[in-house]
Structure formats: structure tokens, C-alpha cells
PDB file of N, CA and C in Angstrom:
ATOM      1  N   UNK A   1     -75.805 119.528-107.689  1.00  0.00           N
ATOM      2  CA  UNK A   1     -74.395 118.829-107.223  1.00  0.00           C
ATOM      3  C   UNK A   1     -74.255 118.249-105.915  1.00  0.00           C
ATOM      4  N   UNK A   2     -73.114 117.685-105.902  1.00  0.00           N
ATOM      5  CA  UNK A   2     -73.426 117.649-104.041  1.00  0.00           C
ATOM      6  C   UNK A   2     -73.310 118.887-103.353  1.00  0.00           C
ATOM      7  N   UNK A   3     -72.399 119.007-103.101  1.00  0.00           N
ATOM      8  CA  UNK A   3     -72.405 121.056-103.250  1.00  0.00           C
ATOM      9  C   UNK A   3     -74.333 121.456-102.312  1.00  0.00           C
ATOM     10  N   UNK A   4     -74.720 121.365-103.526  1.00  0.00           N
ATOM     11  CA  UNK A   4     -76.007 122.183-103.279  1.00  0.00           C
ATOM     12  C   UNK A   4     -76.838 121.159-102.164  1.00  0.00           C
ATOM     13  N   UNK A   5     -77.130 119.953-102.346  1.00  0.00           N
ATOM     14  CA  UNK A   5     -77.741 119.514-101.382  1.00  0.00           C
ATOM     15  C   UNK A   5     -77.323 118.919-100.454  1.00  0.00           C
ATOM     16  N   UNK A   6     -75.346 118.966-100.278  1.00  0.00           N
ATOM     17  CA  UNK A   6     -75.700 119.093 -98.760  1.00  0.00           C
ATOM     18  C   UNK A   6     -76.094 120.507 -97.934  1.00  0.00           C
ATOM     19  N   UNK A   7     -75.648 122.283 -98.611  1.00  0.00           N
ATOM     20  CA  UNK A   7     -75.881 122.869 -98.323  1.00  0.00           C
ATOM     21  C   UNK A   7     -77.803 122.739 -97.889  1.00  0.00           C
ATOM     22  N   UNK A   8     -78.197 122.104 -99.122  1.00  0.00           N
ATOM     23  CA  UNK A   8     -80.554 122.223 -98.615  1.00  0.00           C
ATOM     24  C   UNK A   8     -81.022 121.285 -97.502  1.00  0.00           C
ATOM     25  N   UNK A   9     -79.633 120.131 -97.006  1.00  0.00           N
ATOM     26  CA  UNK A   9     -79.572 119.381 -96.704  1.00  0.00           C
ATOM     27  C   UNK A   9     -79.923 119.644 -95.047  1.00  0.00           C
ATOM     28  N   UNK A  10     -78.367 120.178 -95.355  1.00  0.00           N
ATOM     29  CA  UNK A  10     -78.307 121.315 -94.542  1.00  0.00           C
ATOM     30  C   UNK A  10     -79.151 122.177 -93.255  1.00  0.00           C
ATOM     31  N   UNK A  11     -78.905 123.222 -93.721  1.00  0.00           N
ATOM     32  CA  UNK A  11     -79.940 123.983 -93.662  1.00  0.00           C
ATOM     33  C   UNK A  11     -81.457 123.736 -93.243  1.00  0.00           C
ATOM     34  N   UNK A  12     -81.846 122.392 -94.098  1.00  0.00           N
ATOM     35  CA  UNK A  12     -83.231 121.860 -93.445  1.00  0.00           C
ATOM     36  C   UNK A  12     -83.248 120.734 -92.583  1.00  0.00           C
ATOM     37  N   UNK A  13     -81.884 120.959 -92.261  1.00  0.00           N
ATOM     38  CA  UNK A  13     -82.555 120.413 -90.598  1.00  0.00           C
ATOM     39  C   UNK A  13     -81.740 121.185 -89.550  1.00  0.00           C
ATOM     40  N   UNK A  14     -81.326 123.220 -89.910  1.00  0.00           N
ATOM     41  CA  UNK A  14     -80.791 124.310 -88.964  1.00  0.00           C
ATOM     42  C   UNK A  14     -79.623 123.505 -88.553  1.00  0.00           C
ATOM     43  N   UNK A  15     -78.560 123.388 -89.036  1.00  0.00           N
ATOM     44  CA  UNK A  15     -77.257 123.388 -88.685  1.00  0.00           C
ATOM     45  C   UNK A  15     -76.229 124.728 -89.307  1.00  0.00           C
ATOM     46  N   UNK A  16     -75.913 124.997 -88.843  1.00  0.00           N
ATOM     47  CA  UNK A  16     -74.815 126.270 -89.399  1.00  0.00           C
ATOM     48  C   UNK A  16     -73.611 125.430 -90.022  1.00  0.00           C
ATOM     49  N   UNK A  17     -73.206 126.436 -90.759  1.00  0.00           N
ATOM     50  CA  UNK A  17     -71.806 125.331 -91.625  1.00  0.00           C
ATOM     51  C   UNK A  17     -70.741 124.857 -90.989  1.00  0.00           C
ATOM     52  N   UNK A  18     -70.625 126.152 -89.351  1.00  0.00           N
ATOM     53  CA  UNK A  18     -69.572 125.730 -88.737  1.00  0.00           C
ATOM     54  C   UNK A  18     -70.203 124.016 -88.335  1.00  0.00           C
ATOM     55  N   UNK A  19     -70.955 124.057 -87.653  1.00  0.00           N
ATOM     56  CA  UNK A  19     -72.052 122.533 -87.030  1.00  0.00           C
ATOM     57  C   UNK A  19     -71.481 121.387 -87.462  1.00  0.00           C
ATOM     58  N   UNK A  20     -71.827 121.735 -89.307  1.00  0.00           N
ATOM     59  CA  UNK A  20     -71.617 120.116 -90.363  1.00  0.00           C
ATOM     60  C   UNK A  20     -70.520 120.189 -89.733  1.00  0.00           C
ATOM     61  N   UNK A  21     -69.489 121.457 -89.745  1.00  0.00           N
ATOM     62  CA  UNK A  21     -68.441 121.299 -89.849  1.00  0.00           C
ATOM     63  C   UNK A  21     -67.006 120.330 -89.026  1.00  0.00           C
ATOM     64  N   UNK A  22     -68.052 121.199 -87.059  1.00  0.00           N
ATOM     65  CA  UNK A  22     -67.519 120.567 -86.420  1.00  0.00           C
ATOM     66  C   UNK A  22     -68.499 118.826 -86.182  1.00  0.00           C
ATOM     67  N   UNK A  23     -69.029 118.674 -86.518  1.00  0.00           N
ATOM     68  CA  UNK A  23     -69.786 116.763 -86.227  1.00  0.00           C
ATOM     69  C   UNK A  23     -69.195 115.902 -87.522  1.00  0.00           C
ATOM     70  N   UNK A  24     -67.975 116.677 -88.621  1.00  0.00           N
ATOM     71  CA  UNK A  24     -68.144 115.414 -89.515  1.00  0.00           C
ATOM     72  C   UNK A  24     -66.879 115.626 -89.321  1.00  0.00           C
ATOM     73  N   UNK A  25     -66.381 116.831 -88.316  1.00  0.00           N
ATOM     74  CA  UNK A  25     -64.553 116.789 -88.274  1.00  0.00           C
ATOM     75  C   UNK A  25     -64.284 117.531 -89.288  1.00  0.00           C
ATOM     76  N   UNK A  26     -64.508 117.742 -89.303  1.00  0.00           N
ATOM     77  CA  UNK A  26     -62.938 118.712 -91.288  1.00  0.00           C
ATOM     78  C   UNK A  26     -63.542 120.946 -91.089  1.00  0.00           C
ATOM     79  N   UNK A  27     -62.450 121.145 -91.165  1.00  0.00           N
ATOM     80  CA  UNK A  27     -62.842 122.720 -91.578  1.00  0.00           C
ATOM     81  C   UNK A  27     -64.064 122.776 -91.967  1.00  0.00           C
ATOM     82  N   UNK A  28     -63.976 124.654 -90.940  1.00  0.00           N
ATOM     83  CA  UNK A  28     -66.193 125.123 -92.201  1.00  0.00           C
ATOM     84  C   UNK A  28     -65.420 125.639 -93.270  1.00  0.00           C
ATOM     85  N   UNK A  29     -64.289 125.394 -93.772  1.00  0.00           N
ATOM     86  CA  UNK A  29     -63.645 126.371 -94.953  1.00  0.00           C
ATOM     87  C   UNK A  29     -64.092 125.500 -96.363  1.00  0.00           C
ATOM     88  N   UNK A  30     -62.945 124.078 -95.842  1.00  0.00           N
ATOM     89  CA  UNK A  30     -63.204 122.948 -96.046  1.00  0.00           C
ATOM     90  C   UNK A  30     -63.864 122.628 -96.707  1.00  0.00           C
ATOM     91  N   UNK A  31     -65.297 122.838 -95.891  1.00  0.00           N
ATOM     92  CA  UNK A  31     -67.188 122.512 -96.089  1.00  0.00           C
ATOM     93  C   UNK A  31     -67.764 123.231 -96.867  1.00  0.00           C
ATOM     94  N   UNK A  32     -67.317 124.316 -96.799  1.00  0.00           N
ATOM     95  CA  UNK A  32     -67.213 125.513 -97.229  1.00  0.00           C
ATOM     96  C   UNK A  32     -67.361 125.176 -98.542  1.00  0.00           C
ATOM     97  N   UNK A  33     -66.327 125.353 -99.405  1.00  0.00           N
ATOM     98  CA  UNK A  33     -64.843 125.103-100.324  1.00  0.00           C
ATOM     99  C   UNK A  33     -66.361 123.706-101.563  1.00  0.00           C
ATOM    100  N   UNK A  34     -67.094 122.662-100.644  1.00  0.00           N
ATOM    101  CA  UNK A  34     -67.675 121.894-100.539  1.00  0.00           C
ATOM    102  C   UNK A  34     -69.321 122.269-101.503  1.00  0.00           C
ATOM    103  N   UNK A  35     -69.307 122.942-100.310  1.00  0.00           N
ATOM    104  CA  UNK A  35     -71.213 123.829-100.761  1.00  0.00           C
ATOM    105  C   UNK A  35     -71.502 124.506-101.688  1.00  0.00           C
ATOM    106  N   UNK A  36     -70.438 125.276-101.910  1.00  0.00           N
ATOM    107  CA  UNK A  36     -70.145 125.863-103.128  1.00  0.00           C
ATOM    108  C   UNK A  36     -69.510 125.365-104.645  1.00  0.00           C
ATOM    109  N   UNK A  37     -69.183 124.329-104.535  1.00  0.00           N
ATOM    110  CA  UNK A  37     -69.041 123.469-105.471  1.00  0.00           C
ATOM    111  C   UNK A  37     -67.604 123.323-105.762  1.00  0.00           C
ATOM    112  N   UNK A  38     -67.100 124.577-104.825  1.00  0.00           N
ATOM    113  CA  UNK A  38     -65.538 124.766-104.845  1.00  0.00           C
ATOM    114  C   UNK A  38     -64.823 123.435-105.551  1.00  0.00           C
ATOM    115  N   UNK A  39     -64.885 122.800-104.353  1.00  0.00           N
ATOM    116  CA  UNK A  39     -64.630 120.892-104.987  1.00  0.00           C
ATOM    117  C   UNK A  39     -65.273 120.052-104.852  1.00  0.00           C
ATOM    118  N   UNK A  40     -66.272 119.712-105.754  1.00  0.00           N
ATOM    119  CA  UNK A  40     -67.252 118.815-106.033  1.00  0.00           C
ATOM    120  C   UNK A  40     -66.470 117.517-105.994  1.00  0.00           C
ATOM    121  N   UNK A  41     -65.810 117.055-105.224  1.00  0.00           N
ATOM    122  CA  UNK A  41     -65.560 115.532-106.264  1.00  0.00           C
ATOM    123  C   UNK A  41     -64.858 115.729-104.627  1.00  0.00           C
ATOM    124  N   UNK A  42     -65.276 115.508-103.408  1.00  0.00           N
ATOM    125  CA  UNK A  42     -64.577 115.250-102.336  1.00  0.00           C
ATOM    126  C   UNK A  42     -64.999 113.341-102.364  1.00  0.00           C
ATOM    127  N   UNK A  43     -63.395 113.107-101.327  1.00  0.00           N
ATOM    128  CA  UNK A  43     -63.676 111.988-100.755  1.00  0.00           C
ATOM    129  C   UNK A  43     -64.557 110.354 -99.989  1.00  0.00           C
ATOM    130  N   UNK A  44     -64.375 110.248-101.108  1.00  0.00           N
ATOM    131  CA  UNK A  44     -65.978 108.536-100.016  1.00  0.00           C
ATOM    132  C   UNK A  44     -66.129 109.061 -98.269  1.00  0.00           C
ATOM    133  N   UNK A  45     -64.656 109.186 -97.671  1.00  0.00           N
ATOM    134  CA  UNK A  45     -64.783 109.061 -95.852  1.00  0.00           C
ATOM    135  C   UNK A  45     -65.763 110.545 -96.321  1.00  0.00           C
ATOM    136  N   UNK A  46     -65.575 111.553 -96.663  1.00  0.00           N
ATOM    137  CA  UNK A  46     -65.876 113.221 -96.576  1.00  0.00           C
ATOM    138  C   UNK A  46     -66.600 113.049 -96.759  1.00  0.00           C
ATOM    139  N   UNK A  47     -67.375 112.354 -97.861  1.00  0.00           N
ATOM    140  CA  UNK A  47     -68.424 112.346 -97.506  1.00  0.00           C
ATOM    141  C   UNK A  47     -69.332 111.146 -96.716  1.00  0.00           C
ATOM    142  N   UNK A  48     -68.919 110.759 -96.410  1.00  0.00           N
ATOM    143  CA  UNK A  48     -69.795 109.787 -95.086  1.00  0.00           C
ATOM    144  C   UNK A  48     -70.135 110.604 -94.200  1.00  0.00           C
ATOM    145  N   UNK A  49     -69.675 111.416 -93.494  1.00  0.00           N
ATOM    146  CA  UNK A  49     -68.955 112.006 -92.839  1.00  0.00           C
ATOM    147  C   UNK A  49     -70.042 112.722 -92.576  1.00  0.00           C
ATOM    148  N   UNK A  50     -70.735 113.110 -94.122  1.00  0.00           N
ATOM    149  CA  UNK A  50     -71.137 114.359 -93.304  1.00  0.00           C
ATOM    150  C   UNK A  50     -72.895 113.740 -93.611  1.00  0.00           C
ATOM    151  N   UNK A  51     -72.832 112.785 -94.714  1.00  0.00           N
ATOM    152  CA  UNK A  51     -73.761 111.981 -95.036  1.00  0.00           C
ATOM    153  C   UNK A  51     -74.445 111.499 -93.314  1.00  0.00           C
ATOM    154  N   UNK A  52     -73.560 110.841 -92.881  1.00  0.00           N
ATOM    155  CA  UNK A  52     -74.132 110.499 -91.428  1.00  0.00           C
ATOM    156  C   UNK A  52     -74.536 111.923 -90.193  1.00  0.00           C
ATOM    157  N   UNK A  53     -73.790 112.965 -90.550  1.00  0.00           N
ATOM    158  CA  UNK A  53     -73.622 113.699 -89.718  1.00  0.00           C
ATOM    159  C   UNK A  53     -75.855 114.528 -90.459  1.00  0.00           C
ATOM    160  N   UNK A  54     -75.159 114.633 -91.068  1.00  0.00           N
ATOM    161  CA  UNK A  54     -77.260 115.596 -92.021  1.00  0.00           C
ATOM    162  C   UNK A  54     -77.975 113.452 -91.523  1.00  0.00           C
ATOM    163  N   UNK A  55     -78.201 112.817 -91.295  1.00  0.00           N
ATOM    164  CA  UNK A  55     -78.949 111.575 -91.540  1.00  0.00           C
ATOM    165  C   UNK A  55     -79.694 110.921 -92.357  1.00  0.00           C
ATOM    166  N   UNK A  56     -78.636 111.295 -93.944  1.00  0.00           N
ATOM    167  CA  UNK A  56     -79.116 110.537 -94.814  1.00  0.00           C
ATOM    168  C   UNK A  56     -77.952 108.875 -95.449  1.00  0.00           C
ATOM    169  N   UNK A  57     -78.672 108.577 -96.332  1.00  0.00           N
ATOM    170  CA  UNK A  57     -77.014 107.538 -96.621  1.00  0.00           C
ATOM    171  C   UNK A  57     -76.804 108.436 -97.975  1.00  0.00           C
ATOM    172  N   UNK A  58     -75.291 107.987 -97.928  1.00  0.00           N
ATOM    173  CA  UNK A  58     -74.648 108.410 -99.153  1.00  0.00           C
ATOM    174  C   UNK A  58     -75.025 108.808-100.707  1.00  0.00           C
ATOM    175  N   UNK A  59     -76.066 107.887-100.874  1.00  0.00           N
ATOM    176  CA  UNK A  59     -76.786 107.777-102.320  1.00  0.00           C
ATOM    177  C   UNK A  59     -77.725 109.085-101.582  1.00  0.00           C
ATOM    178  N   UNK A  60     -78.332 109.959-101.085  1.00  0.00           N
ATOM    179  CA  UNK A  60     -78.779 110.532-101.427  1.00  0.00           C
ATOM    180  C   UNK A  60     -78.065 112.190-101.567  1.00  0.00           C
ATOM    181  N   UNK A  61     -76.955 111.903-100.393  1.00  0.00           N
ATOM    182  CA  UNK A  61     -76.210 112.930-100.945  1.00  0.00           C
ATOM    183  C   UNK A  61     -75.431 112.952-102.960  1.00  0.00           C
ATOM    184  N   UNK A  62     -75.206 111.318-103.073  1.00  0.00           N
ATOM    185  CA  UNK A  62     -74.462 111.916-104.824  1.00  0.00           C
ATOM    186  C   UNK A  62     -76.160 111.913-105.629  1.00  0.00           C
ATOM    187  N   UNK A  63     -76.258 111.497-105.349  1.00  0.00           N
ATOM    188  CA  UNK A  63     -78.329 110.856-106.211  1.00  0.00           C
ATOM    189  C   UNK A  63     -78.152 110.076-107.499  1.00  0.00           C
ATOM    190  N   UNK A  64     -77.101 108.680-106.864  1.00  0.00           N
ATOM    191  CA  UNK A  64     -77.114 107.715-107.584  1.00  0.00           C
ATOM    192  C   UNK A  64     -78.537 107.204-107.843  1.00  0.00           C
ATOM    193  N   UNK A  65     -78.380 106.899-109.668  1.00  0.00           N
ATOM    194  CA  UNK A  65     -79.510 106.426-110.828  1.00  0.00           C
ATOM    195  C   UNK A  65     -79.325 105.050-111.035  1.00  0.00           C
ATOM    196  N   UNK A  66     -79.806 104.122-110.144  1.00  0.00           N
ATOM    197  CA  UNK A  66     -79.866 103.153-110.074  1.00  0.00           C
ATOM    198  C   UNK A  66     -80.727 102.636-111.038  1.00  0.00           C
ATOM    199  N   UNK A  67     -79.642 101.749-112.324  1.00  0.00           N
ATOM    200  CA  UNK A  67     -80.002 101.330-113.745  1.00  0.00           C
ATOM    201  C   UNK A  67     -80.192  99.843-113.544  1.00  0.00           C
ATOM    202  N   UNK A  68     -81.617  99.237-113.576  1.00  0.00           N
ATOM    203  CA  UNK A  68     -81.302  97.829-113.961  1.00  0.00           C
ATOM    204  C   UNK A  68     -80.887  97.664-114.803  1.00  0.00           C
ATOM    205  N   UNK A  69     -80.228  96.351-114.837  1.00  0.00           N
ATOM    206  CA  UNK A  69     -79.345  95.308-116.338  1.00  0.00           C
ATOM    207  C   UNK A  69     -79.623  94.554-116.644  1.00  0.00           C
ATOM    208  N   UNK A  70     -79.457  94.541-117.974  1.00  0.00           N
ATOM    209  CA  UNK A  70     -80.701  92.632-119.081  1.00  0.00           C
ATOM    210  C   UNK A  70     -80.017  91.173-118.995  1.00  0.00           C
ATOM    211  N   UNK A  71     -77.914  91.991-118.418  1.00  0.00           N
ATOM    212  CA  UNK A  71     -77.461  90.425-118.786  1.00  0.00           C
ATOM    213  C   UNK A  71     -76.203  91.479-118.489  1.00  0.00           C
ATOM    214  N   UNK A  72     -75.724  90.081-118.112  1.00  0.00           N
ATOM    215  CA  UNK A  72     -74.420  90.559-117.723  1.00  0.00           C
ATOM    216  C   UNK A  72     -73.197  89.783-118.341  1.00  0.00           C
ATOM    217  N   UNK A  73     -72.557  90.723-119.073  1.00  0.00           N
ATOM    218  CA  UNK A  73     -70.339  90.172-119.893  1.00  0.00           C
ATOM    219  C   UNK A  73     -69.815  88.790-119.651  1.00  0.00           C
ATOM    220  N   UNK A  74     -69.643  87.928-120.643  1.00  0.00           N
ATOM    221  CA  UNK A  74     -69.051  86.678-119.660  1.00  0.00           C
ATOM    222  C   UNK A  74     -67.361  87.992-118.584  1.00  0.00           C
ATOM    223  N   UNK A  75     -67.383  88.728-119.074  1.00  0.00           N
ATOM    224  CA  UNK A  75     -66.079  88.822-118.301  1.00  0.00           C
ATOM    225  C   UNK A  75     -66.822  88.999-117.232  1.00  0.00           C
ATOM    226  N   UNK A  76     -67.736  89.426-116.883  1.00  0.00           N
ATOM    227  CA  UNK A  76     -68.024  90.443-115.457  1.00  0.00           C
ATOM    228  C   UNK A  76     -68.905  88.960-114.859  1.00  0.00           C
ATOM    229  N   UNK A  77     -69.420  87.784-115.479  1.00  0.00           N
ATOM    230  CA  UNK A  77     -69.506  86.655-114.802  1.00  0.00           C
ATOM    231  C   UNK A  77     -68.914  85.481-114.260  1.00  0.00           C
ATOM    232  N   UNK A  78     -67.192  86.025-114.833  1.00  0.00           N
ATOM    233  CA  UNK A  78     -65.764  85.854-114.728  1.00  0.00           C
ATOM    234  C   UNK A  78     -65.396  86.674-112.714  1.00  0.00           C
ATOM    235  N   UNK A  79     -65.917  87.275-112.436  1.00  0.00           N
ATOM    236  CA  UNK A  79     -65.588  88.604-112.255  1.00  0.00           C
ATOM    237  C   UNK A  79     -66.055  88.151-110.573  1.00  0.00           C
ATOM    238  N   UNK A  80     -67.290  87.549-111.281  1.00  0.00           N
ATOM    239  CA  UNK A  80     -67.743  87.352-109.784  1.00  0.00           C
ATOM    240  C   UNK A  80     -67.968  85.847-109.575  1.00  0.00           C
ATOM    241  N   UNK A  81     -67.659  84.426-110.301  1.00  0.00           N
ATOM    242  CA  UNK A  81     -66.871  83.540-109.756  1.00  0.00           C
ATOM    243  C   UNK A  81     -65.541  84.111-108.906  1.00  0.00           C
ATOM    244  N   UNK A  82     -64.476  84.642-109.893  1.00  0.00           N
ATOM    245  CA  UNK A  82     -63.492  84.487-109.089  1.00  0.00           C
ATOM    246  C   UNK A  82     -63.819  85.255-107.088  1.00  0.00           C
ATOM    247  N   UNK A  83     -64.368  86.185-107.353  1.00  0.00           N
ATOM    248  CA  UNK A  83     -64.791  86.033-105.729  1.00  0.00           C
ATOM    249  C   UNK A  83     -65.025  85.809-105.076  1.00  0.00           C
ATOM    250  N   UNK A  84     -66.022  85.250-105.257  1.00  0.00           N
ATOM    251  CA  UNK A  84     -66.861  83.216-104.848  1.00  0.00           C
ATOM    252  C   UNK A  84     -65.181  83.149-104.567  1.00  0.00           C
ATOM    253  N   UNK A  85     -64.246  82.222-105.790  1.00  0.00           N
ATOM    254  CA  UNK A  85     -63.512  81.698-105.482  1.00  0.00           C
ATOM    255  C   UNK A  85     -62.772  82.607-104.022  1.00  0.00           C
ATOM    256  N   UNK A  86     -62.960  83.347-104.101  1.00  0.00           N
ATOM    257  CA  UNK A  86     -61.942  83.886-102.458  1.00  0.00           C
ATOM    258  C   UNK A  86     -62.104  83.624-102.001  1.00  0.00           C
ATOM    259  N   UNK A  87     -63.463  83.847-101.720  1.00  0.00           N
ATOM    260  CA  UNK A  87     -64.304  83.633-100.163  1.00  0.00           C
ATOM    261  C   UNK A  87     -64.551  84.895-100.156  1.00  0.00           C
ATOM    262  N   UNK A  88     -64.904  85.778-101.123  1.00  0.00           N
ATOM    263  CA  UNK A  88     -66.242  86.277-100.629  1.00  0.00           C
ATOM    264  C   UNK A  88     -67.367  85.626-100.760  1.00  0.00           C
ATOM    265  N   UNK A  89     -68.420  86.004 -99.484  1.00  0.00           N
ATOM    266  CA  UNK A  89     -70.167  85.874 -99.543  1.00  0.00           C
ATOM    267  C   UNK A  89     -71.087  87.022-100.101  1.00  0.00           C
ATOM    268  N   UNK A  90     -71.604  86.481-100.616  1.00  0.00           N
ATOM    269  CA  UNK A  90     -72.609  87.326-101.749  1.00  0.00           C
ATOM    270  C   UNK A  90     -72.953  88.297 -99.659  1.00  0.00           C
ATOM    271  N   UNK A  91     -72.895  88.178 -99.199  1.00  0.00           N
ATOM    272  CA  UNK A  91     -73.584  89.311 -97.730  1.00  0.00           C
ATOM    273  C   UNK A  91     -72.811  90.245 -97.869  1.00  0.00           C
ATOM    274  N   UNK A  92     -71.079  90.329 -98.215  1.00  0.00           N
ATOM    275  CA  UNK A  92     -69.829  90.798 -98.025  1.00  0.00           C
ATOM    276  C   UNK A  92     -70.626  91.912 -99.358  1.00  0.00           C
ATOM    277  N   UNK A  93     -70.988  91.949-100.237  1.00  0.00           N
ATOM    278  CA  UNK A  93     -70.192  92.113-101.410  1.00  0.00           C
ATOM    279  C   UNK A  93     -71.581  93.022-101.405  1.00  0.00           C
ATOM    280  N   UNK A  94     -72.939  93.519-100.352  1.00  0.00           N
ATOM    281  CA  UNK A  94     -73.525  95.029-100.339  1.00  0.00           C
ATOM    282  C   UNK A  94     -72.436  95.658 -99.523  1.00  0.00           C
ATOM    283  N   UNK A  95     -71.734  94.879 -98.806  1.00  0.00           N
ATOM    284  CA  UNK A  95     -70.486  96.859 -97.753  1.00  0.00           C
ATOM    285  C   UNK A  95     -69.962  96.931 -98.762  1.00  0.00           C
ATOM    286  N   UNK A  96     -69.534  96.292-100.272  1.00  0.00           N
ATOM    287  CA  UNK A  96     -68.584  97.191-101.244  1.00  0.00           C
ATOM    288  C   UNK A  96     -69.779  98.331-101.866  1.00  0.00           C
ATOM    289  N   UNK A  97     -70.694  98.310-102.091  1.00  0.00           N
ATOM    290  CA  UNK A  97     -71.914  98.606-103.444  1.00  0.00           C
ATOM    291  C   UNK A  97     -71.459  99.637-103.006  1.00  0.00           C
ATOM    292  N   UNK A  98     -70.786 100.215-102.290  1.00  0.00           N
ATOM    293  CA  UNK A  98     -71.681 101.970-101.727  1.00  0.00           C
ATOM    294  C   UNK A  98     -69.516 102.394-101.701  1.00  0.00           C
ATOM    295  N   UNK A  99     -69.106 102.223-101.859  1.00  0.00           N
ATOM    296  CA  UNK A  99     -68.084 101.746-102.634  1.00  0.00           C
ATOM    297  C   UNK A  99     -68.271 101.896-104.185  1.00  0.00           C
ATOM    298  N   UNK A 100     -68.480 100.564-104.484  1.00  0.00           N
ATOM    299  CA  UNK A 100     -68.678 100.785-106.236  1.00  0.00           C
ATOM    300  C   UNK A 100     -69.736 102.213-106.518  1.00  0.00           C
ATOM    301  N   UNK A 101     -70.652 102.040-106.203  1.00  0.00           N
ATOM    302  CA  UNK A 101     -71.358 103.614-106.202  1.00  0.00           C
ATOM    303  C   UNK A 101     -70.097 104.692-106.271  1.00  0.00           C
ATOM    304  N   UNK A 102     -69.910 104.836-104.984  1.00  0.00           N
ATOM    305  CA  UNK A 102     -68.540 106.496-104.699  1.00  0.00           C
ATOM    306  C   UNK A 102     -68.154 106.562-106.594  1.00  0.00           C
ATOM    307  N   UNK A 103     -67.759 105.085-106.401  1.00  0.00           N
ATOM    308  CA  UNK A 103     -66.262 105.093-107.767  1.00  0.00           C
ATOM    309  C   UNK A 103     -67.455 105.379-109.594  1.00  0.00           C
ATOM    310  N   UNK A 104     -68.770 104.688-109.062  1.00  0.00           N
ATOM    311  CA  UNK A 104     -68.536 105.390-110.356  1.00  0.00           C
ATOM    312  C   UNK A 104     -69.958 106.694-110.439  1.00  0.00           C
ATOM    313  N   UNK A 105     -69.863 107.210-109.594  1.00  0.00           N
ATOM    314  CA  UNK A 105     -70.852 109.011-109.120  1.00  0.00           C
ATOM    315  C   UNK A 105     -69.280 109.213-110.026  1.00  0.00           C
ATOM    316  N   UNK A 106     -67.658 109.268-108.951  1.00  0.00           N
ATOM    317  CA  UNK A 106     -66.320 110.017-109.116  1.00  0.00           C
ATOM    318  C   UNK A 106     -66.243 110.051-111.227  1.00  0.00           C
ATOM    319  N   UNK A 107     -65.898 108.827-111.943  1.00  0.00           N
ATOM    320  CA  UNK A 107     -66.663 108.576-112.977  1.00  0.00           C
ATOM    321  C   UNK A 107     -66.999 110.046-113.542  1.00  0.00           C
ATOM    322  N   UNK A 108     -68.371 109.262-113.513  1.00  0.00           N
ATOM    323  CA  UNK A 108     -69.414 110.733-114.760  1.00  0.00           C
ATOM    324  C   UNK A 108     -69.509 111.657-113.627  1.00  0.00           C
ATOM    325  N   UNK A 109     -68.692 112.579-112.509  1.00  0.00           N
ATOM    326  CA  UNK A 109     -68.440 113.966-112.569  1.00  0.00           C
ATOM    327  C   UNK A 109     -66.965 114.327-113.064  1.00  0.00           C
ATOM    328  N   UNK A 110     -65.925 113.906-113.106  1.00  0.00           N
ATOM    329  CA  UNK A 110     -64.691 113.759-114.411  1.00  0.00           C
ATOM    330  C   UNK A 110     -64.945 113.632-115.751  1.00  0.00           C
ATOM    331  N   UNK A 111     -66.277 112.985-115.948  1.00  0.00           N
ATOM    332  CA  UNK A 111     -66.643 112.928-117.794  1.00  0.00           C
ATOM    333  C   UNK A 111     -66.729 114.177-117.626  1.00  0.00           C
ATOM    334  N   UNK A 112     -68.410 114.489-116.499  1.00  0.00           N
ATOM    335  CA  UNK A 112     -69.039 116.108-116.697  1.00  0.00           C
ATOM    336  C   UNK A 112     -68.161 117.315-117.203  1.00  0.00           C
ATOM    337  N   UNK A 113     -67.309 117.571-116.610  1.00  0.00           N
ATOM    338  CA  UNK A 113     -66.468 118.065-116.719  1.00  0.00           C
ATOM    339  C   UNK A 113     -65.002 117.873-117.883  1.00  0.00           C
ATOM    340  N   UNK A 114     -65.052 116.863-118.224  1.00  0.00           N
ATOM    341  CA  UNK A 114     -64.507 117.176-119.184  1.00  0.00           C
ATOM    342  C   UNK A 114     -64.737 117.734-121.085  1.00  0.00           C
ATOM    343  N   UNK A 115     -66.286 117.184-120.113  1.00  0.00           N
ATOM    344  CA  UNK A 115     -67.678 117.573-121.806  1.00  0.00           C
ATOM    345  C   UNK A 115     -67.488 119.064-121.300  1.00  0.00           C
ATOM    346  N   UNK A 116     -67.485 119.863-120.289  1.00  0.00           N
ATOM    347  CA  UNK A 116     -67.564 120.865-120.486  1.00  0.00           C
ATOM    348  C   UNK A 116     -66.417 121.709-120.671  1.00  0.00           C
TER     349      UNK A 116
END
């Protein structure tokens, strides 16, 4: 879980809970709740701040598994074409990838909870 990952990396970097909380601009109690998985679904902004302080990328904290796609459904092709028509360049998509991956991770967490 994300809290265990944050705790492990924080300890490895030699940071105290207080130091990480202060540098990530959040309360020590909130960070503690994340590390203990009492809050196992922090916002992307919070997760990005923690990742930045720890010197890791967001993917490391949320453990995204990249799965190859063999084909695109027509609705996805339509979506991509609409993005192109609206002026979104391919290079800009990388900026949105982190947000998309975070949403995917949140959906997986919600599914895990509903299956528990």
C-alpha cells in the first residue's frame, strides 16, 4: 500500500515523520495517517508533494503497473482524434499521463475496498 511505501522510503532517506511532513507542507498527523494506511487514498497533490520531498516519482509511490495495449477501441480513437482537433499536441499528453495514472490507481483502490 502507498503508506507502507512512503514509510519505507522515508526511513531509507533518513527523514523523520516531522521532517517529511514539514517539507511536504502537511500536518504530521495527516502524514502519519497516510503511512499507517488510515488514509489510503490521498489526493494526487498530496502524493506528488510527498514524492517530490522523497526524491522519487509518483509511479514509485503508487506502484503503477504498465500493461501493453494491443489495440484501441474505436471510442478511444475517437477521443484521441477529438484531442487533436482541440489543439492538444502529443507532447502535452505526457503532462496528463500522471493524472490519468493516478485516477487509475484510485479506481483500483476503490475496487479493492469494494471487494473486501
